[in-house]
Amino acid sequence: MNSIQMLPALRDKNDIEEKKMTFEQIYILNRALDGEDIYSLPGFSGVSMDELSITMYKDGLVEDGLLENHFLFTEEGLILAKNILDFKNAMKYVTILDIALGLINEKEAIMLQCVNGDYTFTLVGVIDIVTQLTNAFSFLSLDCSEDTGGMQVGLKEFTELYRLGKSNSFSLMTEQGGKTTHDIFFSDGKSIFAYDILNEELYRKSKNGVIELLKERIAV
């Protein structure tokens, strides 16, 4: 299972074609906004681009229907610019595998995703995101009734103890107000576990326990 298939119920709420952009195109558009870095993307401070290159990329944005000319956004461009600004001003960031969600409120988020070097900023609904995760990762529905307290397990030891893959694990990171979390949710086929990477603590979770932890991590 790949990250594109992971959240099938999340859909763009704008009646426009989802626009894919390269990092360089995002850099050009971002210059017209506030120029500040964008969460989960490489920093812009090290980007050096001459005027000829800037003109070339602006021409491409005009061809893609995002700019009316080198100085004005089209309607589609304005919607995309709003999505980027909303992502930058998100209340909380949640990263699941390689999908970054900028939570605008309890119901909506901007999803930033990169596929084959192309980026998209999509307005999505997140009310049922925990349900979508349990549907995408069947191990979260294992009938486990046991919750245990955290056990100290170093990261190196953890990677040696468990064999993790796309079918039995996923990572989830959050950032809000300078506070971050980073967990790996996984199963050994019999039990569900959550490994807190930052504190190097391993938890065995019940089915209800893991759902409550996911809700806690994703809550605005």
N, C-alpha and C. Protein backbone atom coordinates (compact mmCIF):
# COMPACT_ATOMS: atom_id res chain seq x y z
N MET A 1 0.85 -1.20 0.00
CA MET A 1 0.00 0.00 0.00
C MET A 1 0.88 1.24 0.00
N ASN A 2 0.60 2.18 -0.88
CA ASN A 2 1.37 3.40 -0.89
C ASN A 2 0.57 4.53 -0.28
N SER A 3 1.24 5.68 -0.06
CA SER A 3 0.60 6.79 0.64
C SER A 3 -0.51 7.42 -0.19
N ILE A 4 -0.48 7.23 -1.52
CA ILE A 4 -1.55 7.80 -2.34
C ILE A 4 -2.86 7.06 -2.07
N GLN A 5 -2.77 5.77 -1.84
CA GLN A 5 -3.97 4.97 -1.59
C GLN A 5 -4.42 5.04 -0.14
N MET A 6 -3.59 5.59 0.73
CA MET A 6 -3.83 5.47 2.15
C MET A 6 -5.06 6.21 2.62
N LEU A 7 -5.35 7.38 2.06
CA LEU A 7 -6.48 8.18 2.51
C LEU A 7 -7.45 8.41 1.36
N PRO A 8 -8.09 7.36 0.88
CA PRO A 8 -8.91 7.48 -0.33
C PRO A 8 -10.11 8.39 -0.16
N ALA A 9 -10.59 8.61 1.06
CA ALA A 9 -11.80 9.41 1.24
C ALA A 9 -11.52 10.90 1.27
N LEU A 10 -10.26 11.29 1.31
CA LEU A 10 -9.93 12.72 1.32
C LEU A 10 -9.98 13.25 -0.11
N ARG A 11 -10.82 14.24 -0.33
CA ARG A 11 -11.00 14.75 -1.67
C ARG A 11 -10.93 16.26 -1.70
N ASP A 12 -10.46 16.80 -2.80
CA ASP A 12 -10.40 18.24 -3.01
C ASP A 12 -11.82 18.81 -3.03
N LYS A 13 -12.04 19.88 -2.26
CA LYS A 13 -13.36 20.49 -2.21
C LYS A 13 -13.51 21.62 -3.24
N ASN A 14 -12.47 21.95 -3.93
CA ASN A 14 -12.54 22.98 -4.97
C ASN A 14 -12.89 22.33 -6.31
N ASP A 15 -13.75 22.95 -7.07
CA ASP A 15 -14.15 22.40 -8.38
C ASP A 15 -13.15 22.79 -9.45
N ILE A 16 -11.87 22.58 -9.17
CA ILE A 16 -10.83 22.86 -10.16
C ILE A 16 -9.91 21.65 -10.23
N GLU A 17 -9.22 21.56 -11.34
CA GLU A 17 -8.27 20.47 -11.50
C GLU A 17 -7.12 20.66 -10.53
N GLU A 18 -6.74 19.58 -9.85
CA GLU A 18 -5.64 19.65 -8.90
C GLU A 18 -4.35 19.99 -9.66
N LYS A 19 -3.68 21.06 -9.23
CA LYS A 19 -2.49 21.51 -9.91
C LYS A 19 -1.22 20.93 -9.28
N LYS A 20 -0.38 20.37 -10.12
CA LYS A 20 0.90 19.84 -9.68
C LYS A 20 1.99 20.86 -9.99
N MET A 21 2.89 21.05 -9.04
CA MET A 21 3.96 22.03 -9.21
C MET A 21 5.30 21.44 -8.82
N THR A 22 6.33 21.94 -9.46
CA THR A 22 7.69 21.59 -9.05
C THR A 22 8.08 22.47 -7.87
N PHE A 23 9.16 22.10 -7.20
CA PHE A 23 9.66 22.91 -6.08
C PHE A 23 9.98 24.33 -6.55
N GLU A 24 10.56 24.44 -7.75
CA GLU A 24 10.92 25.76 -8.27
C GLU A 24 9.69 26.63 -8.51
N GLN A 25 8.61 26.03 -9.00
CA GLN A 25 7.38 26.78 -9.21
C GLN A 25 6.79 27.25 -7.88
N ILE A 26 6.85 26.37 -6.86
CA ILE A 26 6.39 26.77 -5.53
C ILE A 26 7.22 27.94 -5.02
N TYR A 27 8.52 27.88 -5.25
CA TYR A 27 9.41 28.97 -4.83
C TYR A 27 8.98 30.29 -5.46
N ILE A 28 8.65 30.27 -6.75
CA ILE A 28 8.24 31.49 -7.45
C ILE A 28 6.92 32.01 -6.87
N LEU A 29 5.93 31.13 -6.71
CA LEU A 29 4.65 31.56 -6.15
C LEU A 29 4.82 32.07 -4.72
N ASN A 30 5.66 31.40 -3.96
CA ASN A 30 5.85 31.76 -2.56
C ASN A 30 6.47 33.14 -2.41
N ARG A 31 7.28 33.54 -3.39
CA ARG A 31 7.87 34.89 -3.37
C ARG A 31 6.78 35.95 -3.41
N ALA A 32 5.66 35.64 -4.07
CA ALA A 32 4.55 36.59 -4.18
C ALA A 32 3.67 36.60 -2.93
N LEU A 33 3.88 35.61 -2.05
CA LEU A 33 3.12 35.54 -0.81
C LEU A 33 3.94 36.21 0.29
N ASP A 34 4.62 35.42 1.13
CA ASP A 34 5.44 36.03 2.17
C ASP A 34 6.90 35.61 2.11
N GLY A 35 7.23 34.67 1.21
CA GLY A 35 8.61 34.25 1.04
C GLY A 35 9.14 33.34 2.13
N GLU A 36 8.35 33.10 3.18
CA GLU A 36 8.81 32.28 4.29
C GLU A 36 8.79 30.80 3.92
N ASP A 37 9.59 30.01 4.64
CA ASP A 37 9.66 28.58 4.38
C ASP A 37 8.30 27.92 4.59
N ILE A 38 8.13 26.76 3.97
CA ILE A 38 6.89 25.99 4.08
C ILE A 38 7.20 24.68 4.79
N TYR A 39 6.41 24.38 5.80
CA TYR A 39 6.61 23.17 6.60
C TYR A 39 6.76 21.94 5.71
N SER A 40 7.73 21.12 6.02
CA SER A 40 8.04 19.82 5.38
C SER A 40 8.75 19.95 4.03
N LEU A 41 8.85 21.18 3.50
CA LEU A 41 9.60 21.38 2.25
C LEU A 41 11.01 21.87 2.58
N PRO A 42 11.96 21.64 1.67
CA PRO A 42 13.30 22.21 1.87
C PRO A 42 13.22 23.73 2.01
N GLY A 43 14.12 24.30 2.78
CA GLY A 43 14.12 25.75 2.99
C GLY A 43 14.41 26.51 1.71
N PHE A 44 13.86 27.72 1.62
CA PHE A 44 14.05 28.54 0.43
C PHE A 44 15.29 29.43 0.51
N SER A 45 15.88 29.55 1.69
CA SER A 45 16.98 30.49 1.86
C SER A 45 18.19 30.14 0.99
N GLY A 46 18.34 28.85 0.69
CA GLY A 46 19.49 28.44 -0.10
C GLY A 46 19.23 28.43 -1.60
N VAL A 47 18.02 28.81 -1.99
CA VAL A 47 17.67 28.81 -3.41
C VAL A 47 18.20 30.07 -4.09
N SER A 48 18.94 29.88 -5.14
CA SER A 48 19.47 31.01 -5.92
C SER A 48 18.98 30.87 -7.36
N MET A 49 18.28 31.90 -7.84
CA MET A 49 17.69 31.82 -9.17
C MET A 49 17.87 33.15 -9.89
N ASP A 50 18.44 33.14 -11.08
CA ASP A 50 18.65 34.38 -11.82
C ASP A 50 17.34 34.82 -12.49
N GLU A 51 17.32 36.04 -12.99
CA GLU A 51 16.10 36.62 -13.55
C GLU A 51 15.60 35.86 -14.77
N LEU A 52 16.53 35.32 -15.55
CA LEU A 52 16.13 34.55 -16.73
C LEU A 52 15.35 33.30 -16.31
N SER A 53 15.84 32.62 -15.26
CA SER A 53 15.17 31.41 -14.77
C SER A 53 13.81 31.77 -14.17
N ILE A 54 13.75 32.88 -13.43
CA ILE A 54 12.48 33.32 -12.85
C ILE A 54 11.45 33.58 -13.94
N THR A 55 11.90 34.26 -15.01
CA THR A 55 11.01 34.54 -16.15
C THR A 55 10.52 33.26 -16.78
N MET A 56 11.41 32.28 -16.92
CA MET A 56 11.05 31.00 -17.54
C MET A 56 9.99 30.29 -16.70
N TYR A 57 10.18 30.25 -15.38
CA TYR A 57 9.22 29.57 -14.52
C TYR A 57 7.88 30.31 -14.48
N LYS A 58 7.92 31.64 -14.53
CA LYS A 58 6.67 32.40 -14.58
C LYS A 58 5.93 32.13 -15.88
N ASP A 59 6.67 32.00 -16.97
CA ASP A 59 6.03 31.65 -18.25
C ASP A 59 5.31 30.30 -18.12
N GLY A 60 5.95 29.36 -17.43
CA GLY A 60 5.35 28.05 -17.23
C GLY A 60 4.09 28.13 -16.39
N LEU A 61 4.09 29.00 -15.37
CA LEU A 61 2.91 29.16 -14.52
C LEU A 61 1.77 29.82 -15.29
N VAL A 62 2.11 30.70 -16.22
CA VAL A 62 1.09 31.29 -17.10
C VAL A 62 0.48 30.19 -17.98
N GLU A 63 1.33 29.35 -18.55
CA GLU A 63 0.85 28.25 -19.39
C GLU A 63 -0.01 27.28 -18.61
N ASP A 64 0.30 27.09 -17.33
CA ASP A 64 -0.46 26.16 -16.49
C ASP A 64 -1.76 26.78 -15.96
N GLY A 65 -1.98 28.04 -16.27
CA GLY A 65 -3.22 28.69 -15.86
C GLY A 65 -3.24 29.21 -14.44
N LEU A 66 -2.06 29.34 -13.82
CA LEU A 66 -2.00 29.83 -12.45
C LEU A 66 -1.71 31.33 -12.39
N LEU A 67 -1.05 31.85 -13.41
CA LEU A 67 -0.79 33.28 -13.50
C LEU A 67 -1.44 33.84 -14.77
N GLU A 68 -2.06 35.02 -14.63
CA GLU A 68 -2.62 35.73 -15.78
C GLU A 68 -1.48 36.29 -16.62
N ASN A 69 -0.52 36.85 -15.93
CA ASN A 69 0.73 37.34 -16.52
C ASN A 69 1.79 37.22 -15.44
N HIS A 70 2.93 37.86 -15.60
CA HIS A 70 4.01 37.71 -14.63
C HIS A 70 3.71 38.38 -13.30
N PHE A 71 2.59 39.10 -13.20
CA PHE A 71 2.31 39.87 -11.99
C PHE A 71 0.96 39.59 -11.35
N LEU A 72 0.07 38.87 -12.06
CA LEU A 72 -1.29 38.66 -11.56
C LEU A 72 -1.65 37.18 -11.54
N PHE A 73 -2.32 36.74 -10.44
CA PHE A 73 -2.84 35.39 -10.36
C PHE A 73 -4.13 35.26 -11.17
N THR A 74 -4.36 34.08 -11.72
CA THR A 74 -5.67 33.75 -12.26
C THR A 74 -6.56 33.33 -11.10
N GLU A 75 -7.83 33.02 -11.38
CA GLU A 75 -8.73 32.55 -10.31
C GLU A 75 -8.21 31.24 -9.72
N GLU A 76 -7.75 30.35 -10.60
CA GLU A 76 -7.17 29.09 -10.12
C GLU A 76 -5.92 29.36 -9.28
N GLY A 77 -5.12 30.31 -9.74
CA GLY A 77 -3.90 30.65 -9.01
C GLY A 77 -4.21 31.21 -7.63
N LEU A 78 -5.28 32.01 -7.52
CA LEU A 78 -5.67 32.58 -6.23
C LEU A 78 -6.12 31.49 -5.26
N ILE A 79 -6.86 30.49 -5.78
CA ILE A 79 -7.29 29.38 -4.93
C ILE A 79 -6.08 28.60 -4.43
N LEU A 80 -5.14 28.35 -5.33
CA LEU A 80 -3.93 27.63 -4.94
C LEU A 80 -3.12 28.45 -3.94
N ALA A 81 -2.99 29.76 -4.19
CA ALA A 81 -2.25 30.62 -3.27
C ALA A 81 -2.89 30.60 -1.88
N LYS A 82 -4.23 30.60 -1.83
CA LYS A 82 -4.93 30.52 -0.55
C LYS A 82 -4.64 29.20 0.15
N ASN A 83 -4.62 28.10 -0.61
CA ASN A 83 -4.30 26.81 -0.02
C ASN A 83 -2.89 26.81 0.58
N ILE A 84 -1.95 27.40 -0.14
CA ILE A 84 -0.58 27.46 0.37
C ILE A 84 -0.52 28.30 1.65
N LEU A 85 -1.18 29.46 1.64
CA LEU A 85 -1.18 30.31 2.84
C LEU A 85 -1.88 29.62 4.00
N ASP A 86 -2.99 28.95 3.73
CA ASP A 86 -3.69 28.22 4.80
C ASP A 86 -2.80 27.13 5.37
N PHE A 87 -2.05 26.46 4.50
CA PHE A 87 -1.12 25.43 4.98
C PHE A 87 -0.05 26.05 5.87
N LYS A 88 0.48 27.18 5.44
CA LYS A 88 1.54 27.84 6.20
C LYS A 88 1.05 28.36 7.55
N ASN A 89 -0.24 28.69 7.62
CA ASN A 89 -0.82 29.24 8.85
C ASN A 89 -1.61 28.19 9.63
N ALA A 90 -1.38 26.93 9.36
CA ALA A 90 -2.13 25.85 9.99
C ALA A 90 -1.99 25.87 11.51
N MET A 91 -3.05 25.41 12.19
CA MET A 91 -3.03 25.32 13.64
C MET A 91 -2.13 24.19 14.12
N LYS A 92 -2.02 23.15 13.30
CA LYS A 92 -1.22 21.99 13.67
C LYS A 92 -0.82 21.26 12.40
N TYR A 93 0.36 20.62 12.43
CA TYR A 93 0.81 19.81 11.31
C TYR A 93 0.84 18.34 11.72
N VAL A 94 0.33 17.50 10.84
CA VAL A 94 0.35 16.05 11.05
C VAL A 94 0.94 15.43 9.79
N THR A 95 2.00 14.65 9.96
CA THR A 95 2.64 13.98 8.82
C THR A 95 2.47 12.48 8.97
N ILE A 96 1.79 11.88 8.01
CA ILE A 96 1.57 10.43 7.99
C ILE A 96 2.30 9.88 6.78
N LEU A 97 3.32 9.06 7.03
CA LEU A 97 4.21 8.63 5.97
C LEU A 97 4.75 9.86 5.26
N ASP A 98 4.46 10.07 3.97
CA ASP A 98 4.99 11.25 3.27
C ASP A 98 3.89 12.26 2.94
N ILE A 99 2.75 12.16 3.63
CA ILE A 99 1.68 13.13 3.46
C ILE A 99 1.69 14.10 4.63
N ALA A 100 1.76 15.39 4.36
CA ALA A 100 1.73 16.41 5.41
C ALA A 100 0.37 17.09 5.39
N LEU A 101 -0.28 17.12 6.54
CA LEU A 101 -1.57 17.78 6.67
C LEU A 101 -1.40 19.02 7.54
N GLY A 102 -1.83 20.16 7.02
CA GLY A 102 -1.88 21.39 7.80
C GLY A 102 -3.31 21.58 8.26
N LEU A 103 -3.59 21.31 9.53
CA LEU A 103 -4.95 21.36 10.04
C LEU A 103 -5.41 22.80 10.19
N ILE A 104 -6.46 23.17 9.45
CA ILE A 104 -7.02 24.51 9.52
C ILE A 104 -7.97 24.63 10.70
N ASN A 105 -8.74 23.59 10.91
CA ASN A 105 -9.67 23.50 12.03
C ASN A 105 -9.94 22.02 12.27
N GLU A 106 -10.99 21.71 13.04
CA GLU A 106 -11.27 20.31 13.36
C GLU A 106 -11.81 19.52 12.17
N LYS A 107 -12.24 20.22 11.13
CA LYS A 107 -12.89 19.54 10.01
C LYS A 107 -12.08 19.54 8.73
N GLU A 108 -11.19 20.52 8.56
CA GLU A 108 -10.50 20.68 7.28
C GLU A 108 -8.99 20.83 7.44
N ALA A 109 -8.31 20.46 6.38
CA ALA A 109 -6.85 20.59 6.35
C ALA A 109 -6.41 20.82 4.92
N ILE A 110 -5.20 21.33 4.78
CA ILE A 110 -4.54 21.37 3.47
C ILE A 110 -3.55 20.21 3.44
N MET A 111 -3.69 19.36 2.44
CA MET A 111 -2.80 18.21 2.30
C MET A 111 -1.69 18.54 1.31
N LEU A 112 -0.46 18.47 1.77
CA LEU A 112 0.71 18.67 0.92
C LEU A 112 1.31 17.30 0.62
N GLN A 113 1.40 16.99 -0.66
CA GLN A 113 1.91 15.68 -1.06
C GLN A 113 2.85 15.84 -2.24
N CYS A 114 3.88 15.02 -2.25
CA CYS A 114 4.84 15.03 -3.36
C CYS A 114 4.82 13.66 -4.02
N VAL A 115 4.59 13.65 -5.32
CA VAL A 115 4.60 12.40 -6.10
C VAL A 115 5.49 12.62 -7.32
N ASN A 116 6.57 11.85 -7.39
CA ASN A 116 7.50 11.94 -8.52
C ASN A 116 8.00 13.36 -8.74
N GLY A 117 8.27 14.06 -7.64
CA GLY A 117 8.83 15.40 -7.75
C GLY A 117 7.83 16.52 -7.96
N ASP A 118 6.55 16.17 -8.08
CA ASP A 118 5.50 17.18 -8.24
C ASP A 118 4.71 17.31 -6.94
N TYR A 119 4.43 18.56 -6.55
CA TYR A 119 3.75 18.84 -5.29
C TYR A 119 2.32 19.31 -5.53
N THR A 120 1.43 18.95 -4.60
CA THR A 120 0.05 19.44 -4.64
C THR A 120 -0.34 19.94 -3.26
N PHE A 121 -1.17 21.00 -3.24
CA PHE A 121 -1.76 21.52 -2.01
C PHE A 121 -3.28 21.37 -2.17
N THR A 122 -3.87 20.46 -1.43
CA THR A 122 -5.27 20.11 -1.64
C THR A 122 -6.08 20.34 -0.37
N LEU A 123 -7.23 21.00 -0.51
CA LEU A 123 -8.14 21.17 0.61
C LEU A 123 -8.91 19.87 0.83
N VAL A 124 -8.82 19.32 2.03
CA VAL A 124 -9.44 18.01 2.31
C VAL A 124 -10.22 18.06 3.62
N GLY A 125 -11.13 17.10 3.78
CA GLY A 125 -11.85 16.94 5.03
C GLY A 125 -11.15 15.91 5.90
N VAL A 126 -11.08 16.15 7.21
CA VAL A 126 -10.34 15.25 8.10
C VAL A 126 -11.18 14.77 9.28
N ILE A 127 -12.50 14.92 9.19
CA ILE A 127 -13.34 14.51 10.30
C ILE A 127 -13.16 13.03 10.61
N ASP A 128 -13.05 12.20 9.56
CA ASP A 128 -12.99 10.74 9.74
C ASP A 128 -11.60 10.18 9.50
N ILE A 129 -10.57 10.98 9.76
CA ILE A 129 -9.22 10.55 9.41
C ILE A 129 -8.79 9.30 10.19
N VAL A 130 -9.20 9.18 11.47
CA VAL A 130 -8.83 7.98 12.24
C VAL A 130 -9.49 6.75 11.65
N THR A 131 -10.75 6.88 11.25
CA THR A 131 -11.45 5.76 10.60
C THR A 131 -10.75 5.39 9.30
N GLN A 132 -10.31 6.40 8.54
CA GLN A 132 -9.61 6.14 7.29
C GLN A 132 -8.30 5.40 7.54
N LEU A 133 -7.62 5.75 8.61
CA LEU A 133 -6.38 5.07 8.95
C LEU A 133 -6.64 3.61 9.32
N THR A 134 -7.69 3.37 10.11
CA THR A 134 -8.00 1.98 10.49
C THR A 134 -8.43 1.16 9.29
N ASN A 135 -9.07 1.81 8.30
CA ASN A 135 -9.44 1.10 7.08
C ASN A 135 -8.21 0.82 6.22
N ALA A 136 -7.26 1.76 6.22
CA ALA A 136 -6.06 1.61 5.38
C ALA A 136 -5.07 0.61 5.97
N PHE A 137 -5.00 0.56 7.30
CA PHE A 137 -4.05 -0.33 7.97
C PHE A 137 -4.83 -1.32 8.81
N SER A 138 -5.05 -2.51 8.26
CA SER A 138 -5.92 -3.50 8.89
C SER A 138 -5.43 -3.93 10.27
N PHE A 139 -4.11 -3.82 10.53
CA PHE A 139 -3.61 -4.26 11.83
C PHE A 139 -4.14 -3.40 12.98
N LEU A 140 -4.62 -2.19 12.68
CA LEU A 140 -5.19 -1.35 13.73
C LEU A 140 -6.51 -1.89 14.25
N SER A 141 -7.08 -2.86 13.53
CA SER A 141 -8.36 -3.44 13.94
C SER A 141 -8.20 -4.79 14.63
N LEU A 142 -6.96 -5.17 14.93
CA LEU A 142 -6.75 -6.43 15.65
C LEU A 142 -7.49 -6.41 16.98
N ASP A 143 -8.06 -7.53 17.35
CA ASP A 143 -8.85 -7.61 18.58
C ASP A 143 -7.93 -7.77 19.78
N CYS A 144 -7.28 -6.67 20.14
CA CYS A 144 -6.36 -6.69 21.27
C CYS A 144 -6.99 -5.93 22.44
N SER A 145 -6.89 -6.50 23.62
CA SER A 145 -7.55 -5.89 24.77
C SER A 145 -6.57 -5.38 25.81
N GLU A 146 -5.27 -5.50 25.53
CA GLU A 146 -4.27 -5.19 26.54
C GLU A 146 -3.58 -3.86 26.26
N ASP A 147 -3.53 -3.01 27.29
CA ASP A 147 -2.74 -1.78 27.25
C ASP A 147 -1.65 -1.90 28.29
N THR A 148 -0.41 -1.60 27.92
CA THR A 148 0.68 -1.63 28.90
C THR A 148 1.37 -0.28 28.93
N GLY A 149 2.00 0.02 30.06
CA GLY A 149 2.74 1.27 30.20
C GLY A 149 3.98 1.26 29.33
N GLY A 150 4.60 2.43 29.21
CA GLY A 150 5.77 2.54 28.36
C GLY A 150 6.97 1.79 28.90
N MET A 151 7.70 1.14 27.99
CA MET A 151 8.93 0.44 28.34
C MET A 151 10.07 1.07 27.57
N GLN A 152 11.14 1.41 28.25
CA GLN A 152 12.28 2.05 27.59
C GLN A 152 12.97 1.07 26.63
N VAL A 153 12.99 1.47 25.36
CA VAL A 153 13.66 0.67 24.33
C VAL A 153 14.39 1.63 23.41
N GLY A 154 15.71 1.54 23.37
CA GLY A 154 16.49 2.41 22.51
C GLY A 154 16.14 2.21 21.05
N LEU A 155 16.34 3.24 20.25
CA LEU A 155 15.96 3.18 18.84
C LEU A 155 16.69 2.06 18.11
N LYS A 156 17.98 1.90 18.38
CA LYS A 156 18.74 0.84 17.71
C LYS A 156 18.19 -0.53 18.08
N GLU A 157 17.91 -0.72 19.37
CA GLU A 157 17.35 -2.00 19.82
C GLU A 157 15.98 -2.23 19.19
N PHE A 158 15.19 -1.18 19.11
CA PHE A 158 13.85 -1.28 18.53
C PHE A 158 13.92 -1.76 17.09
N THR A 159 14.80 -1.17 16.30
CA THR A 159 14.91 -1.55 14.88
C THR A 159 15.42 -2.97 14.72
N GLU A 160 16.15 -3.47 15.71
CA GLU A 160 16.64 -4.84 15.65
C GLU A 160 15.58 -5.84 16.09
N LEU A 161 14.66 -5.41 16.96
CA LEU A 161 13.64 -6.30 17.51
C LEU A 161 12.50 -6.58 16.55
N TYR A 162 12.12 -5.57 15.75
CA TYR A 162 10.91 -5.68 14.95
C TYR A 162 11.18 -5.47 13.47
N ARG A 163 10.51 -6.26 12.66
CA ARG A 163 10.58 -6.13 11.20
C ARG A 163 9.38 -5.31 10.75
N LEU A 164 9.64 -4.11 10.27
CA LEU A 164 8.57 -3.20 9.89
C LEU A 164 8.51 -3.03 8.38
N GLY A 165 7.30 -2.96 7.86
CA GLY A 165 7.10 -2.74 6.43
C GLY A 165 5.84 -1.94 6.20
N LYS A 166 5.50 -1.74 4.93
CA LYS A 166 4.35 -0.91 4.59
C LYS A 166 3.03 -1.55 5.04
N SER A 167 3.01 -2.88 5.15
CA SER A 167 1.75 -3.55 5.49
C SER A 167 1.50 -3.62 6.99
N ASN A 168 2.54 -3.47 7.80
CA ASN A 168 2.34 -3.64 9.24
C ASN A 168 2.79 -2.43 10.07
N SER A 169 3.02 -1.28 9.43
CA SER A 169 3.46 -0.13 10.21
C SER A 169 3.26 1.18 9.43
N PHE A 170 3.22 2.27 10.17
CA PHE A 170 3.27 3.60 9.57
C PHE A 170 3.77 4.58 10.63
N SER A 171 4.37 5.66 10.17
CA SER A 171 4.86 6.69 11.09
C SER A 171 3.90 7.87 11.10
N LEU A 172 3.85 8.53 12.25
CA LEU A 172 2.99 9.71 12.40
C LEU A 172 3.74 10.75 13.22
N MET A 173 3.91 11.93 12.63
CA MET A 173 4.58 13.04 13.32
C MET A 173 3.61 14.21 13.45
N THR A 174 3.72 14.95 14.53
CA THR A 174 2.91 16.15 14.70
C THR A 174 3.78 17.31 15.18
N GLU A 175 3.33 18.51 14.86
CA GLU A 175 4.00 19.72 15.36
C GLU A 175 2.95 20.79 15.61
N GLN A 176 2.97 21.33 16.81
CA GLN A 176 2.02 22.38 17.17
C GLN A 176 2.64 23.25 18.26
N GLY A 177 2.76 24.53 17.96
CA GLY A 177 3.27 25.47 18.95
C GLY A 177 4.65 25.11 19.48
N GLY A 178 5.50 24.58 18.62
CA GLY A 178 6.85 24.22 19.04
C GLY A 178 6.96 22.85 19.69
N LYS A 179 5.84 22.18 19.92
CA LYS A 179 5.85 20.84 20.51
C LYS A 179 5.69 19.81 19.41
N THR A 180 6.53 18.78 19.44
CA THR A 180 6.50 17.75 18.40
C THR A 180 6.31 16.37 19.01
N THR A 181 5.71 15.49 18.24
CA THR A 181 5.63 14.07 18.58
C THR A 181 6.03 13.27 17.35
N HIS A 182 6.54 12.08 17.58
CA HIS A 182 6.92 11.20 16.47
C HIS A 182 6.73 9.76 16.92
N ASP A 183 5.75 9.09 16.34
CA ASP A 183 5.42 7.72 16.73
C ASP A 183 5.46 6.79 15.53
N ILE A 184 5.73 5.54 15.80
CA ILE A 184 5.56 4.47 14.82
C ILE A 184 4.49 3.54 15.36
N PHE A 185 3.42 3.35 14.59
CA PHE A 185 2.37 2.41 14.94
C PHE A 185 2.61 1.14 14.13
N PHE A 186 2.57 -0.01 14.79
CA PHE A 186 2.89 -1.24 14.07
C PHE A 186 2.30 -2.45 14.79
N SER A 187 2.41 -3.59 14.13
CA SER A 187 1.93 -4.85 14.70
C SER A 187 2.92 -5.96 14.40
N ASP A 188 3.00 -6.91 15.35
CA ASP A 188 3.81 -8.11 15.11
C ASP A 188 2.94 -9.27 14.67
N GLY A 189 1.68 -8.97 14.33
CA GLY A 189 0.74 -10.00 13.90
C GLY A 189 -0.20 -10.45 14.99
N LYS A 190 0.19 -10.19 16.24
CA LYS A 190 -0.64 -10.59 17.38
C LYS A 190 -1.09 -9.39 18.21
N SER A 191 -0.24 -8.39 18.30
CA SER A 191 -0.52 -7.23 19.13
C SER A 191 -0.29 -5.94 18.36
N ILE A 192 -0.85 -4.86 18.88
CA ILE A 192 -0.64 -3.52 18.30
C ILE A 192 0.31 -2.77 19.22
N PHE A 193 1.28 -2.07 18.61
CA PHE A 193 2.25 -1.32 19.40
C PHE A 193 2.33 0.13 18.91
N ALA A 194 2.75 0.99 19.81
CA ALA A 194 3.09 2.36 19.46
C ALA A 194 4.47 2.63 20.05
N TYR A 195 5.39 3.07 19.19
CA TYR A 195 6.74 3.39 19.66
C TYR A 195 6.97 4.88 19.57
N ASP A 196 7.19 5.50 20.72
CA ASP A 196 7.46 6.93 20.81
C ASP A 196 8.95 7.14 20.56
N ILE A 197 9.27 7.61 19.35
CA ILE A 197 10.67 7.73 18.94
C ILE A 197 11.42 8.76 19.79
N LEU A 198 10.79 9.88 20.08
CA LEU A 198 11.48 10.96 20.79
C LEU A 198 11.83 10.57 22.22
N ASN A 199 10.95 9.81 22.86
CA ASN A 199 11.20 9.39 24.25
C ASN A 199 11.69 7.96 24.35
N GLU A 200 11.80 7.28 23.20
CA GLU A 200 12.27 5.89 23.14
C GLU A 200 11.48 4.99 24.08
N GLU A 201 10.14 5.09 23.97
CA GLU A 201 9.26 4.28 24.81
C GLU A 201 8.34 3.43 23.92
N LEU A 202 8.18 2.17 24.30
CA LEU A 202 7.36 1.23 23.55
C LEU A 202 6.11 0.90 24.35
N TYR A 203 4.94 1.01 23.68
CA TYR A 203 3.66 0.73 24.32
C TYR A 203 2.93 -0.37 23.57
N ARG A 204 2.35 -1.31 24.31
CA ARG A 204 1.42 -2.27 23.73
C ARG A 204 0.02 -1.68 23.89
N LYS A 205 -0.74 -1.61 22.79
CA LYS A 205 -2.02 -0.92 22.83
C LYS A 205 -3.17 -1.87 22.50
N SER A 206 -4.29 -1.64 23.17
CA SER A 206 -5.52 -2.32 22.79
C SER A 206 -6.09 -1.64 21.55
N LYS A 207 -7.09 -2.25 20.94
CA LYS A 207 -7.73 -1.66 19.77
C LYS A 207 -8.28 -0.28 20.10
N ASN A 208 -8.98 -0.16 21.23
CA ASN A 208 -9.52 1.14 21.64
C ASN A 208 -8.41 2.09 22.05
N GLY A 209 -7.38 1.54 22.69
CA GLY A 209 -6.28 2.38 23.15
C GLY A 209 -5.53 3.05 22.02
N VAL A 210 -5.30 2.31 20.93
CA VAL A 210 -4.56 2.89 19.81
C VAL A 210 -5.42 3.94 19.09
N ILE A 211 -6.73 3.71 19.03
CA ILE A 211 -7.62 4.70 18.42
C ILE A 211 -7.62 5.99 19.23
N GLU A 212 -7.66 5.86 20.55
CA GLU A 212 -7.64 7.06 21.40
C GLU A 212 -6.31 7.81 21.27
N LEU A 213 -5.21 7.08 21.14
CA LEU A 213 -3.91 7.72 20.96
C LEU A 213 -3.85 8.45 19.63
N LEU A 214 -4.38 7.83 18.57
CA LEU A 214 -4.41 8.49 17.27
C LEU A 214 -5.25 9.77 17.32
N LYS A 215 -6.40 9.70 17.99
CA LYS A 215 -7.25 10.88 18.12
C LYS A 215 -6.52 11.98 18.88
N GLU A 216 -5.80 11.60 19.92
CA GLU A 216 -5.05 12.58 20.71
C GLU A 216 -3.97 13.25 19.86
N ARG A 217 -3.27 12.44 19.08
CA ARG A 217 -2.18 12.99 18.26
C ARG A 217 -2.71 13.93 17.18
N ILE A 218 -3.86 13.60 16.61
CA ILE A 218 -4.38 14.36 15.46
C ILE A 218 -5.23 15.54 15.89
N ALA A 219 -5.73 15.54 17.12
CA ALA A 219 -6.62 16.61 17.58
C ALA A 219 -5.96 17.99 17.49
N VAL A 220 -6.73 18.98 17.08
CA VAL A 220 -6.21 20.36 16.99
C VAL A 220 -6.06 20.93 18.39
